[in-house]
PDB file of N, CA and C in Angstrom:
ATOM      1  N   UNK A   1      19.622 -23.899-142.118  1.00  0.00           N
ATOM      2  CA  UNK A   1      18.554 -24.667-141.725  1.00  0.00           C
ATOM      3  C   UNK A   1      17.251 -24.543-141.640  1.00  0.00           C
ATOM      4  N   UNK A   2      16.310 -24.977-142.841  1.00  0.00           N
ATOM      5  CA  UNK A   2      14.831 -25.043-142.966  1.00  0.00           C
ATOM      6  C   UNK A   2      14.315 -25.776-141.516  1.00  0.00           C
ATOM      7  N   UNK A   3      13.331 -24.728-140.852  1.00  0.00           N
ATOM      8  CA  UNK A   3      12.828 -26.329-139.763  1.00  0.00           C
ATOM      9  C   UNK A   3      10.998 -25.878-140.078  1.00  0.00           C
ATOM     10  N   UNK A   4      10.394 -26.633-140.774  1.00  0.00           N
ATOM     11  CA  UNK A   4       9.331 -26.871-140.867  1.00  0.00           C
ATOM     12  C   UNK A   4       8.423 -26.185-139.660  1.00  0.00           C
ATOM     13  N   UNK A   5       9.025 -26.835-138.567  1.00  0.00           N
ATOM     14  CA  UNK A   5       8.267 -26.050-136.992  1.00  0.00           C
ATOM     15  C   UNK A   5       8.236 -24.422-136.182  1.00  0.00           C
ATOM     16  N   UNK A   6       9.568 -24.078-137.737  1.00  0.00           N
ATOM     17  CA  UNK A   6       9.717 -22.078-137.475  1.00  0.00           C
ATOM     18  C   UNK A   6       9.622 -21.598-138.225  1.00  0.00           C
ATOM     19  N   UNK A   7       8.136 -22.577-139.302  1.00  0.00           N
ATOM     20  CA  UNK A   7       7.613 -21.773-140.500  1.00  0.00           C
ATOM     21  C   UNK A   7       7.115 -20.518-139.354  1.00  0.00           C
ATOM     22  N   UNK A   8       6.581 -18.997-140.637  1.00  0.00           N
ATOM     23  CA  UNK A   8       5.794 -18.584-139.681  1.00  0.00           C
ATOM     24  C   UNK A   8       4.254 -19.126-140.125  1.00  0.00           C
ATOM     25  N   UNK A   9       3.116 -19.191-138.937  1.00  0.00           N
ATOM     26  CA  UNK A   9       1.666 -19.372-140.006  1.00  0.00           C
ATOM     27  C   UNK A   9       1.238 -18.283-140.409  1.00  0.00           C
ATOM     28  N   UNK A  10      -0.076 -18.585-141.387  1.00  0.00           N
ATOM     29  CA  UNK A  10      -0.508 -17.866-141.911  1.00  0.00           C
ATOM     30  C   UNK A  10      -1.693 -16.904-140.820  1.00  0.00           C
ATOM     31  N   UNK A  11      -2.082 -16.036-141.310  1.00  0.00           N
ATOM     32  CA  UNK A  11      -3.720 -15.493-140.665  1.00  0.00           C
ATOM     33  C   UNK A  11      -4.888 -15.821-140.927  1.00  0.00           C
ATOM     34  N   UNK A  12      -4.977 -16.176-139.839  1.00  0.00           N
ATOM     35  CA  UNK A  12      -6.556 -16.972-140.410  1.00  0.00           C
ATOM     36  C   UNK A  12      -7.773 -15.836-139.707  1.00  0.00           C
ATOM     37  N   UNK A  13      -8.541 -16.090-141.070  1.00  0.00           N
ATOM     38  CA  UNK A  13      -9.199 -14.432-140.901  1.00  0.00           C
ATOM     39  C   UNK A  13     -10.553 -14.807-139.710  1.00  0.00           C
ATOM     40  N   UNK A  14     -10.819 -15.795-139.421  1.00  0.00           N
ATOM     41  CA  UNK A  14     -11.586 -16.449-137.866  1.00  0.00           C
ATOM     42  C   UNK A  14     -11.330 -16.375-136.795  1.00  0.00           C
ATOM     43  N   UNK A  15      -9.909 -15.794-136.263  1.00  0.00           N
ATOM     44  CA  UNK A  15      -9.728 -15.800-135.353  1.00  0.00           C
ATOM     45  C   UNK A  15     -10.378 -14.536-134.555  1.00  0.00           C
ATOM     46  N   UNK A  16     -10.681 -14.548-133.156  1.00  0.00           N
ATOM     47  CA  UNK A  16     -10.816 -13.394-132.628  1.00  0.00           C
ATOM     48  C   UNK A  16     -10.326 -12.077-132.873  1.00  0.00           C
ATOM     49  N   UNK A  17      -8.458 -11.709-132.373  1.00  0.00           N
ATOM     50  CA  UNK A  17      -8.571 -10.326-132.359  1.00  0.00           C
ATOM     51  C   UNK A  17      -8.714  -9.813-134.261  1.00  0.00           C
ATOM     52  N   UNK A  18      -7.814 -11.240-134.440  1.00  0.00           N
ATOM     53  CA  UNK A  18      -8.030 -10.363-136.050  1.00  0.00           C
ATOM     54  C   UNK A  18      -9.512  -9.853-136.795  1.00  0.00           C
ATOM     55  N   UNK A  19     -10.948 -11.006-135.978  1.00  0.00           N
ATOM     56  CA  UNK A  19     -11.896 -10.488-136.750  1.00  0.00           C
ATOM     57  C   UNK A  19     -12.100  -9.269-136.431  1.00  0.00           C
ATOM     58  N   UNK A  20     -12.044  -9.177-134.769  1.00  0.00           N
ATOM     59  CA  UNK A  20     -11.777  -7.715-134.794  1.00  0.00           C
ATOM     60  C   UNK A  20     -11.917  -6.287-135.063  1.00  0.00           C
ATOM     61  N   UNK A  21     -10.426  -6.850-135.284  1.00  0.00           N
ATOM     62  CA  UNK A  21      -9.902  -5.264-136.189  1.00  0.00           C
ATOM     63  C   UNK A  21     -10.164  -5.540-137.499  1.00  0.00           C
ATOM     64  N   UNK A  22     -10.381  -6.424-138.301  1.00  0.00           N
ATOM     65  CA  UNK A  22     -11.473  -6.418-139.440  1.00  0.00           C
ATOM     66  C   UNK A  22     -12.472  -5.912-139.712  1.00  0.00           C
ATOM     67  N   UNK A  23     -13.330  -6.033-137.607  1.00  0.00           N
ATOM     68  CA  UNK A  23     -14.944  -5.553-138.251  1.00  0.00           C
ATOM     69  C   UNK A  23     -14.430  -3.658-138.359  1.00  0.00           C
ATOM     70  N   UNK A  24     -13.621  -3.260-136.534  1.00  0.00           N
ATOM     71  CA  UNK A  24     -13.072  -2.350-137.071  1.00  0.00           C
ATOM     72  C   UNK A  24     -13.298  -1.093-138.230  1.00  0.00           C
ATOM     73  N   UNK A  25     -12.729  -2.311-139.064  1.00  0.00           N
ATOM     74  CA  UNK A  25     -11.774  -1.238-140.404  1.00  0.00           C
ATOM     75  C   UNK A  25     -13.350  -1.817-141.728  1.00  0.00           C
ATOM     76  N   UNK A  26     -13.737  -2.433-141.659  1.00  0.00           N
ATOM     77  CA  UNK A  26     -15.137  -2.387-142.692  1.00  0.00           C
ATOM     78  C   UNK A  26     -16.164  -1.247-141.696  1.00  0.00           C
ATOM     79  N   UNK A  27     -16.784  -1.428-140.414  1.00  0.00           N
ATOM     80  CA  UNK A  27     -17.351  -0.031-139.772  1.00  0.00           C
ATOM     81  C   UNK A  27     -16.459   1.707-140.393  1.00  0.00           C
ATOM     82  N   UNK A  28     -15.367   1.650-139.906  1.00  0.00           N
ATOM     83  CA  UNK A  28     -14.296   2.557-140.578  1.00  0.00           C
ATOM     84  C   UNK A  28     -14.882   3.387-142.462  1.00  0.00           C
ATOM     85  N   UNK A  29     -14.880   2.295-142.454  1.00  0.00           N
ATOM     86  CA  UNK A  29     -13.700   1.928-143.655  1.00  0.00           C
ATOM     87  C   UNK A  29     -15.369   3.019-144.773  1.00  0.00           C
ATOM     88  N   UNK A  30     -16.438   3.107-144.472  1.00  0.00           N
ATOM     89  CA  UNK A  30     -17.926   4.061-145.225  1.00  0.00           C
ATOM     90  C   UNK A  30     -16.858   5.133-145.542  1.00  0.00           C
ATOM     91  N   UNK A  31     -16.501   5.920-144.836  1.00  0.00           N
ATOM     92  CA  UNK A  31     -15.680   7.257-145.333  1.00  0.00           C
ATOM     93  C   UNK A  31     -14.694   7.653-146.017  1.00  0.00           C
ATOM     94  N   UNK A  32     -13.707   6.486-146.571  1.00  0.00           N
ATOM     95  CA  UNK A  32     -12.728   5.998-147.665  1.00  0.00           C
ATOM     96  C   UNK A  32     -12.802   7.170-148.757  1.00  0.00           C
ATOM     97  N   UNK A  33     -11.991   6.756-149.574  1.00  0.00           N
ATOM     98  CA  UNK A  33     -12.044   7.420-150.658  1.00  0.00           C
ATOM     99  C   UNK A  33     -13.040   5.806-151.633  1.00  0.00           C
ATOM    100  N   UNK A  34     -12.980   5.457-152.728  1.00  0.00           N
ATOM    101  CA  UNK A  34     -14.080   4.517-153.064  1.00  0.00           C
ATOM    102  C   UNK A  34     -12.953   3.745-153.499  1.00  0.00           C
ATOM    103  N   UNK A  35     -12.013   3.738-154.080  1.00  0.00           N
ATOM    104  CA  UNK A  35     -10.709   3.529-154.508  1.00  0.00           C
ATOM    105  C   UNK A  35     -10.347   2.528-153.141  1.00  0.00           C
ATOM    106  N   UNK A  36      -9.921   2.937-151.926  1.00  0.00           N
ATOM    107  CA  UNK A  36     -10.028   2.635-151.331  1.00  0.00           C
ATOM    108  C   UNK A  36     -10.186   1.659-150.211  1.00  0.00           C
ATOM    109  N   UNK A  37     -11.852   2.033-150.938  1.00  0.00           N
ATOM    110  CA  UNK A  37     -13.141   1.078-149.600  1.00  0.00           C
ATOM    111  C   UNK A  37     -13.154  -0.219-150.641  1.00  0.00           C
ATOM    112  N   UNK A  38     -12.899   0.359-152.004  1.00  0.00           N
ATOM    113  CA  UNK A  38     -13.557  -1.755-152.311  1.00  0.00           C
ATOM    114  C   UNK A  38     -12.316  -2.368-152.151  1.00  0.00           C
ATOM    115  N   UNK A  39     -11.142  -1.198-152.348  1.00  0.00           N
ATOM    116  CA  UNK A  39      -9.693  -2.230-151.643  1.00  0.00           C
ATOM    117  C   UNK A  39      -9.876  -2.677-150.152  1.00  0.00           C
ATOM    118  N   UNK A  40     -10.113  -2.128-149.331  1.00  0.00           N
ATOM    119  CA  UNK A  40     -10.947  -2.785-147.867  1.00  0.00           C
ATOM    120  C   UNK A  40     -11.820  -3.680-147.421  1.00  0.00           C
ATOM    121  N   UNK A  41     -12.899  -3.507-148.562  1.00  0.00           N
ATOM    122  CA  UNK A  41     -13.853  -4.326-149.011  1.00  0.00           C
ATOM    123  C   UNK A  41     -13.919  -6.116-149.532  1.00  0.00           C
ATOM    124  N   UNK A  42     -12.896  -5.662-150.563  1.00  0.00           N
ATOM    125  CA  UNK A  42     -12.702  -6.858-151.101  1.00  0.00           C
ATOM    126  C   UNK A  42     -12.076  -8.152-150.355  1.00  0.00           C
ATOM    127  N   UNK A  43     -10.721  -7.296-149.551  1.00  0.00           N
ATOM    128  CA  UNK A  43     -10.059  -8.378-149.387  1.00  0.00           C
ATOM    129  C   UNK A  43     -10.839  -8.378-147.692  1.00  0.00           C
ATOM    130  N   UNK A  44     -11.317  -7.535-147.023  1.00  0.00           N
ATOM    131  CA  UNK A  44     -11.798  -7.837-145.469  1.00  0.00           C
ATOM    132  C   UNK A  44     -13.263  -8.424-145.454  1.00  0.00           C
ATOM    133  N   UNK A  45     -13.872  -8.056-146.614  1.00  0.00           N
ATOM    134  CA  UNK A  45     -15.535  -8.541-147.063  1.00  0.00           C
ATOM    135  C   UNK A  45     -15.626  -9.848-147.498  1.00  0.00           C
ATOM    136  N   UNK A  46     -14.728  -9.792-148.838  1.00  0.00           N
ATOM    137  CA  UNK A  46     -15.102 -10.251-149.893  1.00  0.00           C
ATOM    138  C   UNK A  46     -14.293 -11.887-149.773  1.00  0.00           C
ATOM    139  N   UNK A  47     -12.982 -11.073-148.395  1.00  0.00           N
ATOM    140  CA  UNK A  47     -11.350 -12.234-148.430  1.00  0.00           C
ATOM    141  C   UNK A  47     -11.441 -12.864-149.917  1.00  0.00           C
ATOM    142  N   UNK A  48     -10.712 -11.642-150.758  1.00  0.00           N
ATOM    143  CA  UNK A  48     -10.035 -12.383-151.479  1.00  0.00           C
ATOM    144  C   UNK A  48      -8.323 -11.685-151.369  1.00  0.00           C
ATOM    145  N   UNK A  49      -7.202 -12.751-152.055  1.00  0.00           N
ATOM    146  CA  UNK A  49      -6.212 -12.328-151.171  1.00  0.00           C
ATOM    147  C   UNK A  49      -5.956 -11.086-152.386  1.00  0.00           C
ATOM    148  N   UNK A  50      -4.638 -10.579-151.407  1.00  0.00           N
ATOM    149  CA  UNK A  50      -4.323  -9.006-152.479  1.00  0.00           C
ATOM    150  C   UNK A  50      -4.172  -9.950-154.032  1.00  0.00           C
ATOM    151  N   UNK A  51      -2.527 -11.001-153.764  1.00  0.00           N
ATOM    152  CA  UNK A  51      -2.816 -11.043-154.719  1.00  0.00           C
ATOM    153  C   UNK A  51      -3.300 -12.085-156.048  1.00  0.00           C
ATOM    154  N   UNK A  52      -4.807 -11.563-155.765  1.00  0.00           N
ATOM    155  CA  UNK A  52      -5.724 -12.557-156.993  1.00  0.00           C
ATOM    156  C   UNK A  52      -5.963 -11.173-157.171  1.00  0.00           C
ATOM    157  N   UNK A  53      -6.354 -10.113-156.310  1.00  0.00           N
ATOM    158  CA  UNK A  53      -6.970  -8.666-156.429  1.00  0.00           C
ATOM    159  C   UNK A  53      -5.227  -7.737-157.420  1.00  0.00           C
ATOM    160  N   UNK A  54      -4.554  -8.157-157.175  1.00  0.00           N
ATOM    161  CA  UNK A  54      -3.018  -7.583-157.904  1.00  0.00           C
ATOM    162  C   UNK A  54      -3.303  -8.383-159.334  1.00  0.00           C
ATOM    163  N   UNK A  55      -3.598  -9.707-159.806  1.00  0.00           N
ATOM    164  CA  UNK A  55      -3.941 -10.080-161.022  1.00  0.00           C
ATOM    165  C   UNK A  55      -5.267  -9.318-162.027  1.00  0.00           C
ATOM    166  N   UNK A  56      -5.444  -9.020-161.088  1.00  0.00           N
ATOM    167  CA  UNK A  56      -6.783  -8.699-161.514  1.00  0.00           C
ATOM    168  C   UNK A  56      -6.421  -7.184-162.021  1.00  0.00           C
ATOM    169  N   UNK A  57      -6.090  -7.069-161.403  1.00  0.00           N
ATOM    170  CA  UNK A  57      -5.935  -5.048-161.465  1.00  0.00           C
ATOM    171  C   UNK A  57      -4.467  -4.755-162.433  1.00  0.00           C
ATOM    172  N   UNK A  58      -4.171  -5.701-162.069  1.00  0.00           N
ATOM    173  CA  UNK A  58      -2.156  -5.044-163.059  1.00  0.00           C
ATOM    174  C   UNK A  58      -1.526  -4.763-162.347  1.00  0.00           C
ATOM    175  N   UNK A  59      -1.397  -5.135-161.804  1.00  0.00           N
ATOM    176  CA  UNK A  59      -0.455  -4.179-160.113  1.00  0.00           C
ATOM    177  C   UNK A  59       0.020  -5.275-159.851  1.00  0.00           C
ATOM    178  N   UNK A  60       1.308  -4.792-159.399  1.00  0.00           N
ATOM    179  CA  UNK A  60       2.189  -5.420-158.851  1.00  0.00           C
ATOM    180  C   UNK A  60       2.148  -6.042-156.781  1.00  0.00           C
ATOM    181  N   UNK A  61       1.743  -7.075-157.024  1.00  0.00           N
ATOM    182  CA  UNK A  61       1.169  -7.778-155.916  1.00  0.00           C
ATOM    183  C   UNK A  61       1.697  -6.867-154.356  1.00  0.00           C
ATOM    184  N   UNK A  62       3.353  -6.719-154.540  1.00  0.00           N
ATOM    185  CA  UNK A  62       3.838  -5.752-153.278  1.00  0.00           C
ATOM    186  C   UNK A  62       3.576  -4.727-153.118  1.00  0.00           C
ATOM    187  N   UNK A  63       3.060  -4.210-154.655  1.00  0.00           N
ATOM    188  CA  UNK A  63       2.351  -2.886-154.733  1.00  0.00           C
ATOM    189  C   UNK A  63       1.347  -2.577-153.418  1.00  0.00           C
ATOM    190  N   UNK A  64       0.625  -3.359-153.890  1.00  0.00           N
ATOM    191  CA  UNK A  64      -1.402  -3.740-153.231  1.00  0.00           C
ATOM    192  C   UNK A  64      -1.337  -3.931-152.091  1.00  0.00           C
ATOM    193  N   UNK A  65      -0.873  -4.535-151.674  1.00  0.00           N
ATOM    194  CA  UNK A  65       0.082  -5.285-150.148  1.00  0.00           C
ATOM    195  C   UNK A  65       0.558  -3.993-149.392  1.00  0.00           C
ATOM    196  N   UNK A  66       1.323  -3.531-150.009  1.00  0.00           N
ATOM    197  CA  UNK A  66       1.300  -2.011-148.958  1.00  0.00           C
ATOM    198  C   UNK A  66       0.559  -0.738-149.333  1.00  0.00           C
ATOM    199  N   UNK A  67       0.067  -0.767-149.899  1.00  0.00           N
ATOM    200  CA  UNK A  67      -1.056   0.044-150.464  1.00  0.00           C
ATOM    201  C   UNK A  67      -1.577  -0.118-148.392  1.00  0.00           C
ATOM    202  N   UNK A  68      -2.383  -1.324-148.789  1.00  0.00           N
ATOM    203  CA  UNK A  68      -3.661  -1.936-148.404  1.00  0.00           C
ATOM    204  C   UNK A  68      -3.370  -2.561-146.822  1.00  0.00           C
ATOM    205  N   UNK A  69      -1.476  -2.678-146.420  1.00  0.00           N
ATOM    206  CA  UNK A  69      -1.291  -2.081-144.818  1.00  0.00           C
ATOM    207  C   UNK A  69      -1.479  -0.193-144.376  1.00  0.00           C
ATOM    208  N   UNK A  70      -0.959   0.944-145.295  1.00  0.00           N
ATOM    209  CA  UNK A  70      -1.606   1.670-145.634  1.00  0.00           C
ATOM    210  C   UNK A  70      -2.306   2.022-145.014  1.00  0.00           C
ATOM    211  N   UNK A  71      -3.133   1.396-145.199  1.00  0.00           N
ATOM    212  CA  UNK A  71      -4.432   1.573-145.496  1.00  0.00           C
ATOM    213  C   UNK A  71      -4.968   1.495-144.172  1.00  0.00           C
ATOM    214  N   UNK A  72      -5.342   0.541-143.652  1.00  0.00           N
ATOM    215  CA  UNK A  72      -5.891  -0.450-142.666  1.00  0.00           C
ATOM    216  C   UNK A  72      -5.093   0.239-141.745  1.00  0.00           C
ATOM    217  N   UNK A  73      -3.955  -0.086-141.871  1.00  0.00           N
ATOM    218  CA  UNK A  73      -2.763   1.406-140.190  1.00  0.00           C
ATOM    219  C   UNK A  73      -3.836   2.275-140.178  1.00  0.00           C
ATOM    220  N   UNK A  74      -3.988   3.523-141.157  1.00  0.00           N
ATOM    221  CA  UNK A  74      -4.525   4.508-140.942  1.00  0.00           C
ATOM    222  C   UNK A  74      -6.329   4.639-140.451  1.00  0.00           C
ATOM    223  N   UNK A  75      -7.259   3.697-140.705  1.00  0.00           N
ATOM    224  CA  UNK A  75      -8.150   3.437-140.604  1.00  0.00           C
ATOM    225  C   UNK A  75      -7.972   2.917-139.131  1.00  0.00           C
ATOM    226  N   UNK A  76      -8.279   2.132-138.569  1.00  0.00           N
ATOM    227  CA  UNK A  76      -7.595   1.838-136.525  1.00  0.00           C
ATOM    228  C   UNK A  76      -7.305   2.929-136.101  1.00  0.00           C
ATOM    229  N   UNK A  77      -6.458   4.260-136.606  1.00  0.00           N
ATOM    230  CA  UNK A  77      -5.586   4.832-135.665  1.00  0.00           C
ATOM    231  C   UNK A  77      -6.139   5.682-134.997  1.00  0.00           C
ATOM    232  N   UNK A  78      -5.917   5.948-133.497  1.00  0.00           N
ATOM    233  CA  UNK A  78      -6.788   7.021-133.253  1.00  0.00           C
ATOM    234  C   UNK A  78      -6.641   8.692-133.395  1.00  0.00           C
ATOM    235  N   UNK A  79      -6.110   8.699-134.769  1.00  0.00           N
ATOM    236  CA  UNK A  79      -6.698   9.651-135.021  1.00  0.00           C
ATOM    237  C   UNK A  79      -8.241   9.742-136.590  1.00  0.00           C
ATOM    238  N   UNK A  80      -8.039   8.691-136.125  1.00  0.00           N
ATOM    239  CA  UNK A  80      -8.793   8.637-138.547  1.00  0.00           C
ATOM    240  C   UNK A  80     -10.698   8.617-136.422  1.00  0.00           C
ATOM    241  N   UNK A  81     -10.460   7.478-135.799  1.00  0.00           N
ATOM    242  CA  UNK A  81     -11.460   8.529-135.217  1.00  0.00           C
ATOM    243  C   UNK A  81     -11.443   9.116-134.827  1.00  0.00           C
ATOM    244  N   UNK A  82     -11.297  10.111-134.037  1.00  0.00           N
ATOM    245  CA  UNK A  82     -11.259  11.522-133.483  1.00  0.00           C
ATOM    246  C   UNK A  82     -11.868  12.526-134.355  1.00  0.00           C
ATOM    247  N   UNK A  83     -11.219  11.717-135.769  1.00  0.00           N
ATOM    248  CA  UNK A  83     -11.722  12.767-136.814  1.00  0.00           C
ATOM    249  C   UNK A  83     -13.227  12.231-137.297  1.00  0.00           C
ATOM    250  N   UNK A  84     -13.018  11.149-137.380  1.00  0.00           N
ATOM    251  CA  UNK A  84     -14.505  10.616-137.747  1.00  0.00           C
ATOM    252  C   UNK A  84     -15.456  11.450-136.937  1.00  0.00           C
ATOM    253  N   UNK A  85     -15.181  11.313-135.098  1.00  0.00           N
ATOM    254  CA  UNK A  85     -16.161  11.115-134.671  1.00  0.00           C
ATOM    255  C   UNK A  85     -16.506  13.291-134.504  1.00  0.00           C
ATOM    256  N   UNK A  86     -15.404  13.695-134.724  1.00  0.00           N
ATOM    257  CA  UNK A  86     -15.732  15.334-133.484  1.00  0.00           C
ATOM    258  C   UNK A  86     -16.031  15.806-135.515  1.00  0.00           C
ATOM    259  N   UNK A  87     -15.461  15.745-136.576  1.00  0.00           N
ATOM    260  CA  UNK A  87     -15.664  16.888-137.670  1.00  0.00           C
ATOM    261  C   UNK A  87     -16.261  17.319-138.197  1.00  0.00           C
ATOM    262  N   UNK A  88     -17.501  16.746-137.573  1.00  0.00           N
ATOM    263  CA  UNK A  88     -18.709  18.252-138.139  1.00  0.00           C
ATOM    264  C   UNK A  88     -18.958  19.249-137.189  1.00  0.00           C
ATOM    265  N   UNK A  89     -18.637  19.202-135.777  1.00  0.00           N
ATOM    266  CA  UNK A  89     -18.536  19.595-135.037  1.00  0.00           C
ATOM    267  C   UNK A  89     -17.293  20.893-135.556  1.00  0.00           C
ATOM    268  N   UNK A  90     -16.348  20.744-136.037  1.00  0.00           N
ATOM    269  CA  UNK A  90     -15.631  21.859-135.920  1.00  0.00           C
ATOM    270  C   UNK A  90     -15.527  22.535-137.383  1.00  0.00           C
ATOM    271  N   UNK A  91     -14.906  23.558-137.727  1.00  0.00           N
ATOM    272  CA  UNK A  91     -14.321  24.486-138.752  1.00  0.00           C
ATOM    273  C   UNK A  91     -14.975  23.811-140.338  1.00  0.00           C
ATOM    274  N   UNK A  92     -15.258  25.045-140.837  1.00  0.00           N
ATOM    275  CA  UNK A  92     -14.484  24.278-142.218  1.00  0.00           C
ATOM    276  C   UNK A  92     -13.324  24.002-142.746  1.00  0.00           C
ATOM    277  N   UNK A  93     -12.496  25.027-142.302  1.00  0.00           N
ATOM    278  CA  UNK A  93     -10.996  24.658-143.012  1.00  0.00           C
ATOM    279  C   UNK A  93     -10.390  23.641-141.899  1.00  0.00           C
ATOM    280  N   UNK A  94     -10.496  23.522-140.059  1.00  0.00           N
ATOM    281  CA  UNK A  94     -10.055  22.845-140.035  1.00  0.00           C
ATOM    282  C   UNK A  94     -10.165  21.412-140.221  1.00  0.00           C
ATOM    283  N   UNK A  95     -11.888  20.654-140.583  1.00  0.00           N
ATOM    284  CA  UNK A  95     -12.335  19.820-141.273  1.00  0.00           C
ATOM    285  C   UNK A  95     -12.210  19.423-143.171  1.00  0.00           C
ATOM    286  N   UNK A  96     -11.742  20.559-143.144  1.00  0.00           N
ATOM    287  CA  UNK A  96     -11.010  19.828-144.110  1.00  0.00           C
ATOM    288  C   UNK A  96      -9.565  19.470-144.469  1.00  0.00           C
ATOM    289  N   UNK A  97      -9.237  19.921-143.525  1.00  0.00           N
ATOM    290  CA  UNK A  97      -7.746  19.138-143.401  1.00  0.00           C
ATOM    291  C   UNK A  97      -7.382  18.481-142.721  1.00  0.00           C
ATOM    292  N   UNK A  98      -7.930  17.887-141.772  1.00  0.00           N
ATOM    293  CA  UNK A  98      -8.389  17.020-140.707  1.00  0.00           C
ATOM    294  C   UNK A  98      -8.371  16.417-141.831  1.00  0.00           C
ATOM    295  N   UNK A  99     -10.004  16.292-142.639  1.00  0.00           N
ATOM    296  CA  UNK A  99     -10.248  14.818-143.343  1.00  0.00           C
ATOM    297  C   UNK A  99      -9.348  14.819-144.120  1.00  0.00           C
ATOM    298  N   UNK A 100      -8.348  15.473-145.491  1.00  0.00           N
ATOM    299  CA  UNK A 100      -7.071  14.766-146.381  1.00  0.00           C
ATOM    300  C   UNK A 100      -5.920  14.404-145.424  1.00  0.00           C
ATOM    301  N   UNK A 101      -6.369  15.085-144.105  1.00  0.00           N
ATOM    302  CA  UNK A 101      -4.956  14.549-144.025  1.00  0.00           C
ATOM    303  C   UNK A 101      -5.024  12.521-142.950  1.00  0.00           C
ATOM    304  N   UNK A 102      -5.563  12.765-142.521  1.00  0.00           N
ATOM    305  CA  UNK A 102      -6.603  11.581-141.906  1.00  0.00           C
ATOM    306  C   UNK A 102      -7.174  10.264-141.855  1.00  0.00           C
ATOM    307  N   UNK A 103      -7.851  11.194-142.998  1.00  0.00           N
ATOM    308  CA  UNK A 103      -8.953  10.348-143.415  1.00  0.00           C
ATOM    309  C   UNK A 103      -8.785   9.651-144.639  1.00  0.00           C
ATOM    310  N   UNK A 104      -8.085  10.774-145.911  1.00  0.00           N
ATOM    311  CA  UNK A 104      -7.088  10.522-147.051  1.00  0.00           C
ATOM    312  C   UNK A 104      -5.924  10.411-147.303  1.00  0.00           C
ATOM    313  N   UNK A 105      -5.576  10.436-146.179  1.00  0.00           N
ATOM    314  CA  UNK A 105      -3.695   9.855-146.327  1.00  0.00           C
ATOM    315  C   UNK A 105      -3.341  10.665-146.515  1.00  0.00           C
ATOM    316  N   UNK A 106      -3.941  12.498-146.765  1.00  0.00           N
ATOM    317  CA  UNK A 106      -2.681  13.107-147.170  1.00  0.00           C
ATOM    318  C   UNK A 106      -1.967  14.148-147.247  1.00  0.00           C
ATOM    319  N   UNK A 107      -0.940  14.501-147.371  1.00  0.00           N
ATOM    320  CA  UNK A 107       0.156  15.501-146.706  1.00  0.00           C
ATOM    321  C   UNK A 107      -0.777  16.382-145.957  1.00  0.00           C
ATOM    322  N   UNK A 108       0.375  16.787-144.632  1.00  0.00           N
ATOM    323  CA  UNK A 108      -0.320  18.392-144.430  1.00  0.00           C
ATOM    324  C   UNK A 108      -0.408  19.807-146.082  1.00  0.00           C
ATOM    325  N   UNK A 109       0.926  18.893-146.736  1.00  0.00           N
ATOM    326  CA  UNK A 109       0.825  20.540-147.685  1.00  0.00           C
ATOM    327  C   UNK A 109      -0.539  20.554-148.811  1.00  0.00           C
ATOM    328  N   UNK A 110      -0.439  18.693-149.322  1.00  0.00           N
ATOM    329  CA  UNK A 110      -1.728  18.649-150.234  1.00  0.00           C
ATOM    330  C   UNK A 110      -2.608  18.789-149.488  1.00  0.00           C
ATOM    331  N   UNK A 111      -2.841  19.463-148.016  1.00  0.00           N
ATOM    332  CA  UNK A 111      -4.301  18.764-147.140  1.00  0.00           C
ATOM    333  C   UNK A 111      -4.232  20.839-147.380  1.00  0.00           C
ATOM    334  N   UNK A 112      -3.597  21.674-147.321  1.00  0.00           N
ATOM    335  CA  UNK A 112      -3.348  23.004-147.143  1.00  0.00           C
ATOM    336  C   UNK A 112      -3.841  23.590-148.337  1.00  0.00           C
ATOM    337  N   UNK A 113      -3.035  23.136-149.477  1.00  0.00           N
ATOM    338  CA  UNK A 113      -3.364  23.151-151.258  1.00  0.00           C
ATOM    339  C   UNK A 113      -4.860  23.163-151.307  1.00  0.00           C
ATOM    340  N   UNK A 114      -5.518  22.434-150.732  1.00  0.00           N
ATOM    341  CA  UNK A 114      -6.287  21.622-151.937  1.00  0.00           C
ATOM    342  C   UNK A 114      -7.495  22.945-150.529  1.00  0.00           C
ATOM    343  N   UNK A 115      -7.657  23.445-149.031  1.00  0.00           N
ATOM    344  CA  UNK A 115      -8.129  23.633-148.253  1.00  0.00           C
ATOM    345  C   UNK A 115      -7.951  25.792-149.090  1.00  0.00           C
ATOM    346  N   UNK A 116      -7.114  26.039-149.514  1.00  0.00           N
ATOM    347  CA  UNK A 116      -6.730  27.084-149.952  1.00  0.00           C
ATOM    348  C   UNK A 116      -5.950  28.370-148.690  1.00  0.00           C
ATOM    349  N   UNK A 117      -5.410  27.396-148.434  1.00  0.00           N
ATOM    350  CA  UNK A 117      -4.106  28.158-146.848  1.00  0.00           C
ATOM    351  C   UNK A 117      -2.970  27.588-147.108  1.00  0.00           C
ATOM    352  N   UNK A 118      -2.170  28.182-146.268  1.00  0.00           N
ATOM    353  CA  UNK A 118      -0.523  28.139-146.669  1.00  0.00           C
ATOM    354  C   UNK A 118      -0.301  26.725-145.543  1.00  0.00           C
ATOM    355  N   UNK A 119       0.768  26.418-145.692  1.00  0.00           N
ATOM    356  CA  UNK A 119       1.488  25.212-145.382  1.00  0.00           C
ATOM    357  C   UNK A 119       1.376  25.685-143.282  1.00  0.00           C
ATOM    358  N   UNK A 120       1.804  26.614-143.276  1.00  0.00           N
ATOM    359  CA  UNK A 120       1.751  26.673-141.632  1.00  0.00           C
ATOM    360  C   UNK A 120       0.941  27.283-140.994  1.00  0.00           C
ATOM    361  N   UNK A 121      -0.228  27.852-141.638  1.00  0.00           N
ATOM    362  CA  UNK A 121      -2.313  27.854-141.249  1.00  0.00           C
ATOM    363  C   UNK A 121      -2.718  26.602-141.208  1.00  0.00           C
ATOM    364  N   UNK A 122      -1.833  25.286-141.701  1.00  0.00           N
ATOM    365  CA  UNK A 122      -3.031  24.504-141.895  1.00  0.00           C
ATOM    366  C   UNK A 122      -1.805  23.442-140.564  1.00  0.00           C
TER     367      UNK A 122
END
């Protein structure tokens, strides 16, 4: 039976834990691809809802929401921060593979193909 006192609360963007995570996501979004950066900016800076963005782009809101969650999860990961911090000191191939995998969210296979090396060398 439906109990109105037990329904999930909407996440408020002005709450401190959310605001800290949102600020981290916005700080790190500068290295993302243009479509991912635009999505992050629209939701976290422009405070548009995923439903509004989906309506504007003609996409399914569930698909866009999953994409947003994937990108946000990738951006707050420790691997993302590590690659951002150290990639300038790495060799070209390592930098390319790490950037493609942890910054762009591509598979190791795709990153290896982009770098012109085998999957096993990546």
